Amino acid sequence: MYQINLKEAETQLANLIEQAAGGEEVIITRNDGTAYKIVPICNRVTIPKFGSAKGLIQMSDDFDAPLEDFEEYAP
């Protein structure tokens, strides 16, 4: 947990946000005793788009050919 005074937090806001994004609990306190916690609203999860790997995967021409090691099991 990281606790900081409001006056100090004003100059370090970008750094405090990065710490909160990294999982650190950041508490900002005011002179009257109230405290506020910086938390990420949601973690952004990237969802791959359909077809985004097009051209990155190549299969050999004999991909469907029977394997020599399994000839005894084939009908």
C-alpha atoms as a PDB file:
ATOM      1  CA  MET A   1       0.000   0.000   0.000  1.00  0.00           C
ATOM      2  CA  TYR A   2       1.293   3.423  -0.944  1.00  0.00           C
ATOM      3  CA  GLN A   3      -0.089   6.433   0.953  1.00  0.00           C
ATOM      4  CA  ILE A   4       0.577  10.019  -0.092  1.00  0.00           C
ATOM      5  CA  ASN A   5      -0.593  13.504   0.859  1.00  0.00           C
ATOM      6  CA  LEU A   6      -2.788  15.380  -1.634  1.00  0.00           C
ATOM      7  CA  LYS A   7      -0.217  18.164  -2.175  1.00  0.00           C
ATOM      8  CA  GLU A   8       2.485  15.605  -3.040  1.00  0.00           C
ATOM      9  CA  ALA A   9       0.059  13.632  -5.213  1.00  0.00           C
ATOM     10  CA  GLU A  10      -0.650  16.660  -7.391  1.00  0.00           C
ATOM     11  CA  THR A  11       2.909  16.623  -8.711  1.00  0.00           C
ATOM     12  CA  GLN A  12       3.132  12.823  -9.040  1.00  0.00           C
ATOM     13  CA  LEU A  13      -0.267  11.917 -10.464  1.00  0.00           C
ATOM     14  CA  ALA A  14       1.013  10.161 -13.595  1.00  0.00           C
ATOM     15  CA  ASN A  15       3.399   8.053 -11.504  1.00  0.00           C
ATOM     16  CA  LEU A  16       0.638   7.178  -9.015  1.00  0.00           C
ATOM     17  CA  ILE A  17      -1.671   6.059 -11.816  1.00  0.00           C
ATOM     18  CA  GLU A  18       1.057   3.795 -13.207  1.00  0.00           C
ATOM     19  CA  GLN A  19       1.551   2.254  -9.769  1.00  0.00           C
ATOM     20  CA  ALA A  20      -2.190   1.629  -9.415  1.00  0.00           C
ATOM     21  CA  ALA A  21      -2.279   0.073 -12.890  1.00  0.00           C
ATOM     22  CA  GLY A  22       0.526  -2.243 -11.804  1.00  0.00           C
ATOM     23  CA  GLY A  23      -1.534  -3.551  -8.891  1.00  0.00           C
ATOM     24  CA  GLU A  24      -0.244  -1.305  -6.099  1.00  0.00           C
ATOM     25  CA  GLU A  25      -2.861   0.131  -3.754  1.00  0.00           C
ATOM     26  CA  VAL A  26      -2.523   3.930  -3.816  1.00  0.00           C
ATOM     27  CA  ILE A  27      -4.203   6.036  -1.099  1.00  0.00           C
ATOM     28  CA  ILE A  28      -4.358   9.846  -1.290  1.00  0.00           C
ATOM     29  CA  THR A  29      -5.120  11.641   1.980  1.00  0.00           C
ATOM     30  CA  ARG A  30      -6.304  15.186   2.549  1.00  0.00           C
ATOM     31  CA  ASN A  31      -5.537  17.425   5.529  1.00  0.00           C
ATOM     32  CA  ASP A  32      -9.045  16.912   6.948  1.00  0.00           C
ATOM     33  CA  GLY A  33      -8.430  13.151   7.260  1.00  0.00           C
ATOM     34  CA  THR A  34     -10.430  11.916   4.290  1.00  0.00           C
ATOM     35  CA  ALA A  35      -8.743   9.354   2.087  1.00  0.00           C
ATOM     36  CA  TYR A  36      -9.225   8.280  -1.511  1.00  0.00           C
ATOM     37  CA  LYS A  37      -7.986   5.188  -3.281  1.00  0.00           C
ATOM     38  CA  ILE A  38      -6.810   5.098  -6.903  1.00  0.00           C
ATOM     39  CA  VAL A  39      -7.960   1.888  -8.589  1.00  0.00           C
ATOM     40  CA  PRO A  40      -8.183   0.913 -12.241  1.00  0.00           C
ATOM     41  CA  ILE A  41     -11.801   0.846 -13.452  1.00  0.00           C
ATOM     42  CA  CYS A  42     -11.301  -2.206 -15.639  1.00  0.00           C
ATOM     43  CA  ASN A  43      -8.434  -4.183 -17.028  1.00  0.00           C
ATOM     44  CA  ARG A  44      -8.369  -3.950 -20.777  1.00  0.00           C
ATOM     45  CA  VAL A  45      -8.366  -7.398 -22.294  1.00  0.00           C
ATOM     46  CA  THR A  46      -7.441  -7.532 -25.920  1.00  0.00           C
ATOM     47  CA  ILE A  47      -9.571  -9.837 -28.031  1.00  0.00           C
ATOM     48  CA  PRO A  48      -7.919 -11.024 -31.218  1.00  0.00           C
ATOM     49  CA  LYS A  49      -9.793 -10.208 -34.394  1.00  0.00           C
ATOM     50  CA  PHE A  50     -10.826 -12.993 -36.727  1.00  0.00           C
ATOM     51  CA  GLY A  51      -8.256 -13.360 -39.482  1.00  0.00           C
ATOM     52  CA  SER A  52      -5.555 -11.338 -37.718  1.00  0.00           C
ATOM     53  CA  ALA A  53      -3.025 -14.196 -38.145  1.00  0.00           C
ATOM     54  CA  LYS A  54      -3.650 -14.542 -41.873  1.00  0.00           C
ATOM     55  CA  GLY A  55      -0.408 -15.307 -43.669  1.00  0.00           C
ATOM     56  CA  LEU A  56       1.488 -16.150 -40.479  1.00  0.00           C
ATOM     57  CA  ILE A  57       0.777 -19.889 -40.531  1.00  0.00           C
ATOM     58  CA  GLN A  58       1.922 -22.212 -43.288  1.00  0.00           C
ATOM     59  CA  MET A  59       1.192 -25.926 -43.662  1.00  0.00           C
ATOM     60  CA  SER A  60       3.240 -28.303 -45.711  1.00  0.00           C
ATOM     61  CA  ASP A  61       1.679 -29.999 -48.725  1.00  0.00           C
ATOM     62  CA  ASP A  62       1.898 -33.443 -47.082  1.00  0.00           C
ATOM     63  CA  PHE A  63       0.089 -32.348 -43.891  1.00  0.00           C
ATOM     64  CA  ASP A  64      -2.711 -34.913 -44.411  1.00  0.00           C
ATOM     65  CA  ALA A  65      -0.398 -37.734 -45.503  1.00  0.00           C
ATOM     66  CA  PRO A  66      -0.334 -40.802 -43.222  1.00  0.00           C
ATOM     67  CA  LEU A  67       2.562 -41.002 -40.787  1.00  0.00           C
ATOM     68  CA  GLU A  68       5.004 -43.875 -41.161  1.00  0.00           C
ATOM     69  CA  ASP A  69       5.008 -44.556 -37.406  1.00  0.00           C
ATOM     70  CA  PHE A  70       1.285 -45.298 -37.428  1.00  0.00           C
ATOM     71  CA  GLU A  71       1.072 -47.581 -40.478  1.00  0.00           C
ATOM     72  CA  GLU A  72       0.436 -50.645 -38.328  1.00  0.00           C
ATOM     73  CA  TYR A  73      -2.663 -48.997 -36.808  1.00  0.00           C
ATOM     74  CA  ALA A  74      -4.171 -47.887 -40.149  1.00  0.00           C
ATOM     75  CA  PRO A  75      -6.858 -50.029 -41.757  1.00  0.00           C
END
